[in-house]
Amino acid sequence: MKVVFLEPAYLEYREAVEFYNLQSEGLGNKFIAEIDRTISIIKNYPESFTEYTERTRKAVVNIFPYNIFYSVKEGNIIVLAVAHQHRKPNFWVGREI
């Protein structure tokens, strides 16, 4: 399966990396590694994560307070949001495919 980030989701991801890099040297790289690990699990087991809406699922990222919201469409995983767990819940819902 191919993973495709919607542009807003990719920007959220990059902003989080920058934030963690400012907090501590190397912390952004640890965040990247956890996102990559979570996406790898999504790729291998796309239906295993909790249904969030009728067409989306939520994967919780370990260590960091983030969720990855995604849809599976035509054999692709579409990342809709990389969302902090304690800020603006459901801000991304209009991105559903």
PDB file of N, CA and C in Angstrom:
ATOM      1  N   MET A   1       0.842  -1.183   0.000  1.00  0.00           N
ATOM      2  CA  MET A   1       0.000   0.000   0.000  1.00  0.00           C
ATOM      3  C   MET A   1       0.886   1.245   0.000  1.00  0.00           C
ATOM      4  N   LYS A   2       0.433   2.220  -0.716  1.00  0.00           N
ATOM      5  CA  LYS A   2       1.124   3.498  -0.779  1.00  0.00           C
ATOM      6  C   LYS A   2       0.516   4.437   0.268  1.00  0.00           C
ATOM      7  N   VAL A   3       1.375   5.205   0.931  1.00  0.00           N
ATOM      8  CA  VAL A   3       0.908   6.183   1.913  1.00  0.00           C
ATOM      9  C   VAL A   3       1.012   7.572   1.306  1.00  0.00           C
ATOM     10  N   VAL A   4      -0.096   8.299   1.351  1.00  0.00           N
ATOM     11  CA  VAL A   4      -0.153   9.652   0.806  1.00  0.00           C
ATOM     12  C   VAL A   4      -0.626  10.587   1.915  1.00  0.00           C
ATOM     13  N   PHE A   5       0.156  11.625   2.169  1.00  0.00           N
ATOM     14  CA  PHE A   5      -0.235  12.648   3.141  1.00  0.00           C
ATOM     15  C   PHE A   5      -0.976  13.755   2.415  1.00  0.00           C
ATOM     16  N   LEU A   6      -2.148  14.130   2.914  1.00  0.00           N
ATOM     17  CA  LEU A   6      -2.751  15.363   2.433  1.00  0.00           C
ATOM     18  C   LEU A   6      -1.819  16.500   2.846  1.00  0.00           C
ATOM     19  N   GLU A   7      -1.792  17.554   2.069  1.00  0.00           N
ATOM     20  CA  GLU A   7      -0.866  18.652   2.352  1.00  0.00           C
ATOM     21  C   GLU A   7      -0.997  19.199   3.778  1.00  0.00           C
ATOM     22  N   PRO A   8      -2.222  19.438   4.280  1.00  0.00           N
ATOM     23  CA  PRO A   8      -2.325  19.937   5.660  1.00  0.00           C
ATOM     24  C   PRO A   8      -1.748  18.952   6.685  1.00  0.00           C
ATOM     25  N   ALA A   9      -1.928  17.660   6.451  1.00  0.00           N
ATOM     26  CA  ALA A   9      -1.389  16.650   7.374  1.00  0.00           C
ATOM     27  C   ALA A   9       0.133  16.659   7.346  1.00  0.00           C
ATOM     28  N   TYR A  10       0.705  16.808   6.157  1.00  0.00           N
ATOM     29  CA  TYR A  10       2.163  16.858   6.054  1.00  0.00           C
ATOM     30  C   TYR A  10       2.706  18.096   6.769  1.00  0.00           C
ATOM     31  N   LEU A  11       2.020  19.217   6.631  1.00  0.00           N
ATOM     32  CA  LEU A  11       2.448  20.440   7.323  1.00  0.00           C
ATOM     33  C   LEU A  11       2.375  20.268   8.843  1.00  0.00           C
ATOM     34  N   GLU A  12       1.332  19.609   9.331  1.00  0.00           N
ATOM     35  CA  GLU A  12       1.209  19.344  10.769  1.00  0.00           C
ATOM     36  C   GLU A  12       2.370  18.484  11.257  1.00  0.00           C
ATOM     37  N   TYR A  13       2.703  17.489  10.472  1.00  0.00           N
ATOM     38  CA  TYR A  13       3.813  16.594  10.788  1.00  0.00           C
ATOM     39  C   TYR A  13       5.127  17.375  10.852  1.00  0.00           C
ATOM     40  N   ARG A  14       5.413  18.179   9.841  1.00  0.00           N
ATOM     41  CA  ARG A  14       6.662  18.962   9.796  1.00  0.00           C
ATOM     42  C   ARG A  14       6.719  19.982  10.946  1.00  0.00           C
ATOM     43  N   GLU A  15       5.595  20.618  11.256  1.00  0.00           N
ATOM     44  CA  GLU A  15       5.565  21.576  12.367  1.00  0.00           C
ATOM     45  C   GLU A  15       5.872  20.882  13.700  1.00  0.00           C
ATOM     46  N   ALA A  16       5.353  19.682  13.876  1.00  0.00           N
ATOM     47  CA  ALA A  16       5.630  18.932  15.108  1.00  0.00           C
ATOM     48  C   ALA A  16       7.111  18.566  15.184  1.00  0.00           C
ATOM     49  N   VAL A  17       7.698  18.157  14.065  1.00  0.00           N
ATOM     50  CA  VAL A  17       9.132  17.836  14.043  1.00  0.00           C
ATOM     51  C   VAL A  17       9.941  19.067  14.441  1.00  0.00           C
ATOM     52  N   GLU A  18       9.615  20.207  13.861  1.00  0.00           N
ATOM     53  CA  GLU A  18      10.327  21.448  14.187  1.00  0.00           C
ATOM     54  C   GLU A  18      10.168  21.801  15.664  1.00  0.00           C
ATOM     55  N   PHE A  19       8.946  21.659  16.187  1.00  0.00           N
ATOM     56  CA  PHE A  19       8.698  21.945  17.601  1.00  0.00           C
ATOM     57  C   PHE A  19       9.580  21.068  18.487  1.00  0.00           C
ATOM     58  N   TYR A  20       9.597  19.752  18.225  1.00  0.00           N
ATOM     59  CA  TYR A  20      10.381  18.848  19.060  1.00  0.00           C
ATOM     60  C   TYR A  20      11.875  19.091  18.906  1.00  0.00           C
ATOM     61  N   ASN A  21      12.327  19.477  17.727  1.00  0.00           N
ATOM     62  CA  ASN A  21      13.746  19.818  17.555  1.00  0.00           C
ATOM     63  C   ASN A  21      14.142  21.031  18.376  1.00  0.00           C
ATOM     64  N   LEU A  22      13.223  21.974  18.548  1.00  0.00           N
ATOM     65  CA  LEU A  22      13.498  23.143  19.375  1.00  0.00           C
ATOM     66  C   LEU A  22      13.524  22.795  20.870  1.00  0.00           C
ATOM     67  N   GLN A  23      12.796  21.758  21.259  1.00  0.00           N
ATOM     68  CA  GLN A  23      12.722  21.365  22.662  1.00  0.00           C
ATOM     69  C   GLN A  23      14.000  20.680  23.122  1.00  0.00           C
ATOM     70  N   SER A  24      14.547  19.821  22.270  1.00  0.00           N
ATOM     71  CA  SER A  24      15.732  19.051  22.645  1.00  0.00           C
ATOM     72  C   SER A  24      16.368  18.473  21.385  1.00  0.00           C
ATOM     73  N   GLU A  25      17.669  18.541  21.319  1.00  0.00           N
ATOM     74  CA  GLU A  25      18.381  18.015  20.160  1.00  0.00           C
ATOM     75  C   GLU A  25      18.074  16.526  19.982  1.00  0.00           C
ATOM     76  N   GLY A  26      17.679  16.163  18.789  1.00  0.00           N
ATOM     77  CA  GLY A  26      17.386  14.769  18.479  1.00  0.00           C
ATOM     78  C   GLY A  26      15.953  14.346  18.764  1.00  0.00           C
ATOM     79  N   LEU A  27      15.190  15.162  19.481  1.00  0.00           N
ATOM     80  CA  LEU A  27      13.820  14.773  19.817  1.00  0.00           C
ATOM     81  C   LEU A  27      12.948  14.739  18.566  1.00  0.00           C
ATOM     82  N   GLY A  28      13.182  15.644  17.628  1.00  0.00           N
ATOM     83  CA  GLY A  28      12.446  15.619  16.361  1.00  0.00           C
ATOM     84  C   GLY A  28      12.677  14.324  15.610  1.00  0.00           C
ATOM     85  N   ASN A  29      13.902  13.813  15.651  1.00  0.00           N
ATOM     86  CA  ASN A  29      14.204  12.541  14.989  1.00  0.00           C
ATOM     87  C   ASN A  29      13.485  11.377  15.662  1.00  0.00           C
ATOM     88  N   LYS A  30      13.350  11.445  16.980  1.00  0.00           N
ATOM     89  CA  LYS A  30      12.599  10.402  17.686  1.00  0.00           C
ATOM     90  C   LYS A  30      11.127  10.456  17.298  1.00  0.00           C
ATOM     91  N   PHE A  31      10.601  11.672  17.134  1.00  0.00           N
ATOM     92  CA  PHE A  31       9.217  11.825  16.694  1.00  0.00           C
ATOM     93  C   PHE A  31       9.050  11.231  15.290  1.00  0.00           C
ATOM     94  N   ILE A  32       9.962  11.551  14.389  1.00  0.00           N
ATOM     95  CA  ILE A  32       9.920  10.993  13.030  1.00  0.00           C
ATOM     96  C   ILE A  32       9.920   9.472  13.079  1.00  0.00           C
ATOM     97  N   ALA A  33      10.785   8.898  13.915  1.00  0.00           N
ATOM     98  CA  ALA A  33      10.868   7.438  14.017  1.00  0.00           C
ATOM     99  C   ALA A  33       9.553   6.833  14.512  1.00  0.00           C
ATOM    100  N   GLU A  34       8.898   7.484  15.469  1.00  0.00           N
ATOM    101  CA  GLU A  34       7.618   6.963  15.969  1.00  0.00           C
ATOM    102  C   GLU A  34       6.507   7.096  14.932  1.00  0.00           C
ATOM    103  N   ILE A  35       6.508   8.204  14.205  1.00  0.00           N
ATOM    104  CA  ILE A  35       5.517   8.359  13.129  1.00  0.00           C
ATOM    105  C   ILE A  35       5.752   7.281  12.072  1.00  0.00           C
ATOM    106  N   ASP A  36       7.012   7.079  11.684  1.00  0.00           N
ATOM    107  CA  ASP A  36       7.341   6.046  10.687  1.00  0.00           C
ATOM    108  C   ASP A  36       6.928   4.662  11.162  1.00  0.00           C
ATOM    109  N   ARG A  37       7.172   4.379  12.435  1.00  0.00           N
ATOM    110  CA  ARG A  37       6.799   3.073  12.990  1.00  0.00           C
ATOM    111  C   ARG A  37       5.289   2.879  12.956  1.00  0.00           C
ATOM    112  N   THR A  38       4.562   3.914  13.337  1.00  0.00           N
ATOM    113  CA  THR A  38       3.102   3.836  13.336  1.00  0.00           C
ATOM    114  C   THR A  38       2.575   3.667  11.911  1.00  0.00           C
ATOM    115  N   ILE A  39       3.130   4.403  10.974  1.00  0.00           N
ATOM    116  CA  ILE A  39       2.686   4.287   9.583  1.00  0.00           C
ATOM    117  C   ILE A  39       3.006   2.903   9.026  1.00  0.00           C
ATOM    118  N   SER A  40       4.131   2.335   9.424  1.00  0.00           N
ATOM    119  CA  SER A  40       4.468   0.979   8.990  1.00  0.00           C
ATOM    120  C   SER A  40       3.414  -0.025   9.470  1.00  0.00           C
ATOM    121  N   ILE A  41       2.971   0.135  10.709  1.00  0.00           N
ATOM    122  CA  ILE A  41       1.917  -0.748  11.232  1.00  0.00           C
ATOM    123  C   ILE A  41       0.617  -0.522  10.463  1.00  0.00           C
ATOM    124  N   ILE A  42       0.290   0.735  10.195  1.00  0.00           N
ATOM    125  CA  ILE A  42      -0.913   1.040   9.419  1.00  0.00           C
ATOM    126  C   ILE A  42      -0.836   0.361   8.050  1.00  0.00           C
ATOM    127  N   LYS A  43       0.310   0.446   7.396  1.00  0.00           N
ATOM    128  CA  LYS A  43       0.473  -0.170   6.074  1.00  0.00           C
ATOM    129  C   LYS A  43       0.244  -1.675   6.112  1.00  0.00           C
ATOM    130  N   ASN A  44       0.752  -2.308   7.163  1.00  0.00           N
ATOM    131  CA  ASN A  44       0.639  -3.765   7.264  1.00  0.00           C
ATOM    132  C   ASN A  44      -0.722  -4.232   7.762  1.00  0.00           C
ATOM    133  N   TYR A  45      -1.364  -3.421   8.580  1.00  0.00           N
ATOM    134  CA  TYR A  45      -2.643  -3.800   9.189  1.00  0.00           C
ATOM    135  C   TYR A  45      -3.610  -2.606   9.173  1.00  0.00           C
ATOM    136  N   PRO A  46      -3.991  -2.141   8.003  1.00  0.00           N
ATOM    137  CA  PRO A  46      -4.781  -0.905   7.921  1.00  0.00           C
ATOM    138  C   PRO A  46      -6.143  -0.964   8.605  1.00  0.00           C
ATOM    139  N   GLU A  47      -6.707  -2.132   8.731  1.00  0.00           N
ATOM    140  CA  GLU A  47      -8.040  -2.252   9.337  1.00  0.00           C
ATOM    141  C   GLU A  47      -7.972  -2.500  10.844  1.00  0.00           C
ATOM    142  N   SER A  48      -6.776  -2.571  11.410  1.00  0.00           N
ATOM    143  CA  SER A  48      -6.663  -2.941  12.823  1.00  0.00           C
ATOM    144  C   SER A  48      -6.869  -1.783  13.796  1.00  0.00           C
ATOM    145  N   PHE A  49      -6.794  -0.567  13.300  1.00  0.00           N
ATOM    146  CA  PHE A  49      -6.958   0.575  14.198  1.00  0.00           C
ATOM    147  C   PHE A  49      -8.421   0.961  14.349  1.00  0.00           C
ATOM    148  N   THR A  50      -8.699   1.681  15.393  1.00  0.00           N
ATOM    149  CA  THR A  50     -10.056   2.060  15.766  1.00  0.00           C
ATOM    150  C   THR A  50     -10.732   2.887  14.680  1.00  0.00           C
ATOM    151  N   GLU A  51     -11.966   2.506  14.356  1.00  0.00           N
ATOM    152  CA  GLU A  51     -12.761   3.349  13.457  1.00  0.00           C
ATOM    153  C   GLU A  51     -13.110   4.621  14.203  1.00  0.00           C
ATOM    154  N   TYR A  52     -12.873   5.752  13.551  1.00  0.00           N
ATOM    155  CA  TYR A  52     -13.172   7.033  14.174  1.00  0.00           C
ATOM    156  C   TYR A  52     -14.457   7.621  13.606  1.00  0.00           C
ATOM    157  N   THR A  53     -14.576   7.552  12.293  1.00  0.00           N
ATOM    158  CA  THR A  53     -15.824   7.879  11.615  1.00  0.00           C
ATOM    159  C   THR A  53     -16.092   6.739  10.642  1.00  0.00           C
ATOM    160  N   GLU A  54     -17.131   6.862   9.883  1.00  0.00           N
ATOM    161  CA  GLU A  54     -17.482   5.801   8.936  1.00  0.00           C
ATOM    162  C   GLU A  54     -16.353   5.506   7.945  1.00  0.00           C
ATOM    163  N   ARG A  55     -15.571   6.535   7.581  1.00  0.00           N
ATOM    164  CA  ARG A  55     -14.526   6.348   6.565  1.00  0.00           C
ATOM    165  C   ARG A  55     -13.111   6.584   7.069  1.00  0.00           C
ATOM    166  N   THR A  56     -12.941   6.816   8.370  1.00  0.00           N
ATOM    167  CA  THR A  56     -11.603   7.099   8.876  1.00  0.00           C
ATOM    168  C   THR A  56     -11.264   6.229  10.073  1.00  0.00           C
ATOM    169  N   ARG A  57      -9.967   6.105  10.302  1.00  0.00           N
ATOM    170  CA  ARG A  57      -9.455   5.368  11.453  1.00  0.00           C
ATOM    171  C   ARG A  57      -8.449   6.231  12.190  1.00  0.00           C
ATOM    172  N   LYS A  58      -8.221   5.877  13.445  1.00  0.00           N
ATOM    173  CA  LYS A  58      -7.294   6.626  14.290  1.00  0.00           C
ATOM    174  C   LYS A  58      -6.222   5.687  14.820  1.00  0.00           C
ATOM    175  N   ALA A  59      -4.962   6.058  14.561  1.00  0.00           N
ATOM    176  CA  ALA A  59      -3.826   5.325  15.118  1.00  0.00           C
ATOM    177  C   ALA A  59      -3.156   6.225  16.148  1.00  0.00           C
ATOM    178  N   VAL A  60      -2.960   5.709  17.336  1.00  0.00           N
ATOM    179  CA  VAL A  60      -2.311   6.456  18.404  1.00  0.00           C
ATOM    180  C   VAL A  60      -0.803   6.236  18.290  1.00  0.00           C
ATOM    181  N   VAL A  61      -0.059   7.333  18.311  1.00  0.00           N
ATOM    182  CA  VAL A  61       1.402   7.271  18.228  1.00  0.00           C
ATOM    183  C   VAL A  61       1.955   7.031  19.626  1.00  0.00           C
ATOM    184  N   ASN A  62       2.866   6.079  19.761  1.00  0.00           N
ATOM    185  CA  ASN A  62       3.504   5.823  21.056  1.00  0.00           C
ATOM    186  C   ASN A  62       4.447   6.964  21.417  1.00  0.00           C
ATOM    187  N   ILE A  63       4.651   7.150  22.680  1.00  0.00           N
ATOM    188  CA  ILE A  63       5.581   8.114  23.286  1.00  0.00           C
ATOM    189  C   ILE A  63       5.100   9.563  23.163  1.00  0.00           C
ATOM    190  N   PHE A  64       4.676   9.972  21.985  1.00  0.00           N
ATOM    191  CA  PHE A  64       4.272  11.351  21.748  1.00  0.00           C
ATOM    192  C   PHE A  64       2.752  11.467  21.749  1.00  0.00           C
ATOM    193  N   PRO A  65       2.213  12.596  22.196  1.00  0.00           N
ATOM    194  CA  PRO A  65       0.746  12.751  22.285  1.00  0.00           C
ATOM    195  C   PRO A  65       0.114  13.120  20.947  1.00  0.00           C
ATOM    196  N   TYR A  66       0.243  12.231  19.974  1.00  0.00           N
ATOM    197  CA  TYR A  66      -0.284  12.476  18.633  1.00  0.00           C
ATOM    198  C   TYR A  66      -1.090  11.288  18.151  1.00  0.00           C
ATOM    199  N   ASN A  67      -2.053  11.585  17.300  1.00  0.00           N
ATOM    200  CA  ASN A  67      -2.827  10.570  16.594  1.00  0.00           C
ATOM    201  C   ASN A  67      -2.635  10.779  15.105  1.00  0.00           C
ATOM    202  N   ILE A  68      -2.699   9.689  14.368  1.00  0.00           N
ATOM    203  CA  ILE A  68      -2.712   9.759  12.910  1.00  0.00           C
ATOM    204  C   ILE A  68      -4.107   9.339  12.476  1.00  0.00           C
ATOM    205  N   PHE A  69      -4.792  10.238  11.796  1.00  0.00           N
ATOM    206  CA  PHE A  69      -6.112   9.929  11.252  1.00  0.00           C
ATOM    207  C   PHE A  69      -5.926   9.635   9.767  1.00  0.00           C
ATOM    208  N   TYR A  70      -6.538   8.537   9.313  1.00  0.00           N
ATOM    209  CA  TYR A  70      -6.325   8.124   7.934  1.00  0.00           C
ATOM    210  C   TYR A  70      -7.549   7.417   7.369  1.00  0.00           C
ATOM    211  N   SER A  71      -7.554   7.331   6.047  1.00  0.00           N
ATOM    212  CA  SER A  71      -8.563   6.569   5.320  1.00  0.00           C
ATOM    213  C   SER A  71      -7.846   5.614   4.384  1.00  0.00           C
ATOM    214  N   VAL A  72      -8.513   4.528   4.053  1.00  0.00           N
ATOM    215  CA  VAL A  72      -7.998   3.606   3.045  1.00  0.00           C
ATOM    216  C   VAL A  72      -8.882   3.773   1.818  1.00  0.00           C
ATOM    217  N   LYS A  73      -8.260   4.116   0.699  1.00  0.00           N
ATOM    218  CA  LYS A  73      -9.025   4.351  -0.515  1.00  0.00           C
ATOM    219  C   LYS A  73      -8.243   3.829  -1.713  1.00  0.00           C
ATOM    220  N   GLU A  74      -8.881   2.955  -2.460  1.00  0.00           N
ATOM    221  CA  GLU A  74      -8.305   2.398  -3.679  1.00  0.00           C
ATOM    222  C   GLU A  74      -6.896   1.859  -3.459  1.00  0.00           C
ATOM    223  N   GLY A  75      -6.705   1.147  -2.359  1.00  0.00           N
ATOM    224  CA  GLY A  75      -5.423   0.537  -2.068  1.00  0.00           C
ATOM    225  C   GLY A  75      -4.369   1.491  -1.536  1.00  0.00           C
ATOM    226  N   ASN A  76      -4.735   2.725  -1.267  1.00  0.00           N
ATOM    227  CA  ASN A  76      -3.818   3.711  -0.703  1.00  0.00           C
ATOM    228  C   ASN A  76      -4.245   4.089   0.704  1.00  0.00           C
ATOM    229  N   ILE A  77      -3.278   4.453   1.513  1.00  0.00           N
ATOM    230  CA  ILE A  77      -3.558   4.998   2.834  1.00  0.00           C
ATOM    231  C   ILE A  77      -3.416   6.503   2.715  1.00  0.00           C
ATOM    232  N   ILE A  78      -4.485   7.208   2.991  1.00  0.00           N
ATOM    233  CA  ILE A  78      -4.506   8.664   2.905  1.00  0.00           C
ATOM    234  C   ILE A  78      -4.437   9.212   4.332  1.00  0.00           C
ATOM    235  N   VAL A  79      -3.329   9.865   4.669  1.00  0.00           N
ATOM    236  CA  VAL A  79      -3.179  10.462   5.988  1.00  0.00           C
ATOM    237  C   VAL A  79      -3.886  11.814   5.958  1.00  0.00           C
ATOM    238  N   LEU A  80      -4.927  11.918   6.768  1.00  0.00           N
ATOM    239  CA  LEU A  80      -5.752  13.121   6.817  1.00  0.00           C
ATOM    240  C   LEU A  80      -5.230  14.140   7.811  1.00  0.00           C
ATOM    241  N   ALA A  81      -4.643  13.659   8.913  1.00  0.00           N
ATOM    242  CA  ALA A  81      -4.163  14.572   9.948  1.00  0.00           C
ATOM    243  C   ALA A  81      -3.126  13.880  10.820  1.00  0.00           C
ATOM    244  N   VAL A  82      -2.169  14.671  11.262  1.00  0.00           N
ATOM    245  CA  VAL A  82      -1.240  14.279  12.318  1.00  0.00           C
ATOM    246  C   VAL A  82      -1.570  15.250  13.444  1.00  0.00           C
ATOM    247  N   ALA A  83      -2.411  14.792  14.362  1.00  0.00           N
ATOM    248  CA  ALA A  83      -3.069  15.689  15.306  1.00  0.00           C
ATOM    249  C   ALA A  83      -2.612  15.476  16.741  1.00  0.00           C
ATOM    250  N   HIS A  84      -2.285  16.575  17.404  1.00  0.00           N
ATOM    251  CA  HIS A  84      -1.960  16.539  18.819  1.00  0.00           C
ATOM    252  C   HIS A  84      -3.220  16.128  19.585  1.00  0.00           C
ATOM    253  N   GLN A  85      -3.062  15.272  20.559  1.00  0.00           N
ATOM    254  CA  GLN A  85      -4.210  14.728  21.282  1.00  0.00           C
ATOM    255  C   GLN A  85      -4.910  15.733  22.188  1.00  0.00           C
ATOM    256  N   HIS A  86      -4.258  16.841  22.513  1.00  0.00           N
ATOM    257  CA  HIS A  86      -4.841  17.775  23.472  1.00  0.00           C
ATOM    258  C   HIS A  86      -5.151  19.141  22.876  1.00  0.00           C
ATOM    259  N   ARG A  87      -5.157  19.229  21.562  1.00  0.00           N
ATOM    260  CA  ARG A  87      -5.438  20.514  20.911  1.00  0.00           C
ATOM    261  C   ARG A  87      -6.511  20.342  19.854  1.00  0.00           C
ATOM    262  N   LYS A  88      -7.427  21.255  19.795  1.00  0.00           N
ATOM    263  CA  LYS A  88      -8.438  21.347  18.737  1.00  0.00           C
ATOM    264  C   LYS A  88      -8.950  19.990  18.233  1.00  0.00           C
ATOM    265  N   PRO A  89      -9.698  19.287  19.025  1.00  0.00           N
ATOM    266  CA  PRO A  89     -10.209  17.997  18.550  1.00  0.00           C
ATOM    267  C   PRO A  89     -11.092  18.172  17.312  1.00  0.00           C
ATOM    268  N   ASN A  90     -10.959  17.235  16.423  1.00  0.00           N
ATOM    269  CA  ASN A  90     -11.771  17.165  15.200  1.00  0.00           C
ATOM    270  C   ASN A  90     -11.599  18.327  14.229  1.00  0.00           C
ATOM    271  N   PHE A  91     -10.525  19.094  14.346  1.00  0.00           N
ATOM    272  CA  PHE A  91     -10.289  20.194  13.424  1.00  0.00           C
ATOM    273  C   PHE A  91     -10.134  19.723  11.983  1.00  0.00           C
ATOM    274  N   TRP A  92      -9.781  18.505  11.795  1.00  0.00           N
ATOM    275  CA  TRP A  92      -9.464  17.947  10.486  1.00  0.00           C
ATOM    276  C   TRP A  92     -10.657  17.269   9.804  1.00  0.00           C
ATOM    277  N   VAL A  93     -11.785  17.146  10.473  1.00  0.00           N
ATOM    278  CA  VAL A  93     -12.903  16.333   9.974  1.00  0.00           C
ATOM    279  C   VAL A  93     -13.344  16.731   8.555  1.00  0.00           C
ATOM    280  N   GLY A  94     -13.255  17.957   8.177  1.00  0.00           N
ATOM    281  CA  GLY A  94     -13.628  18.376   6.820  1.00  0.00           C
ATOM    282  C   GLY A  94     -12.719  17.812   5.741  1.00  0.00           C
ATOM    283  N   ARG A  95     -11.621  17.189   6.138  1.00  0.00           N
ATOM    284  CA  ARG A  95     -10.676  16.606   5.172  1.00  0.00           C
ATOM    285  C   ARG A  95     -11.056  15.197   4.755  1.00  0.00           C
ATOM    286  N   GLU A  96     -12.084  14.664   5.357  1.00  0.00           N
ATOM    287  CA  GLU A  96     -12.449  13.277   5.055  1.00  0.00           C
ATOM    288  C   GLU A  96     -12.681  13.093   3.566  1.00  0.00           C
ATOM    289  N   ILE A  97     -12.265  11.941   3.109  1.00  0.00           N
ATOM    290  CA  ILE A  97     -12.399  11.632   1.669  1.00  0.00           C
ATOM    291  C   ILE A  97     -13.607  10.734   1.457  1.00  0.00           C
TER     292      ILE A  97
END
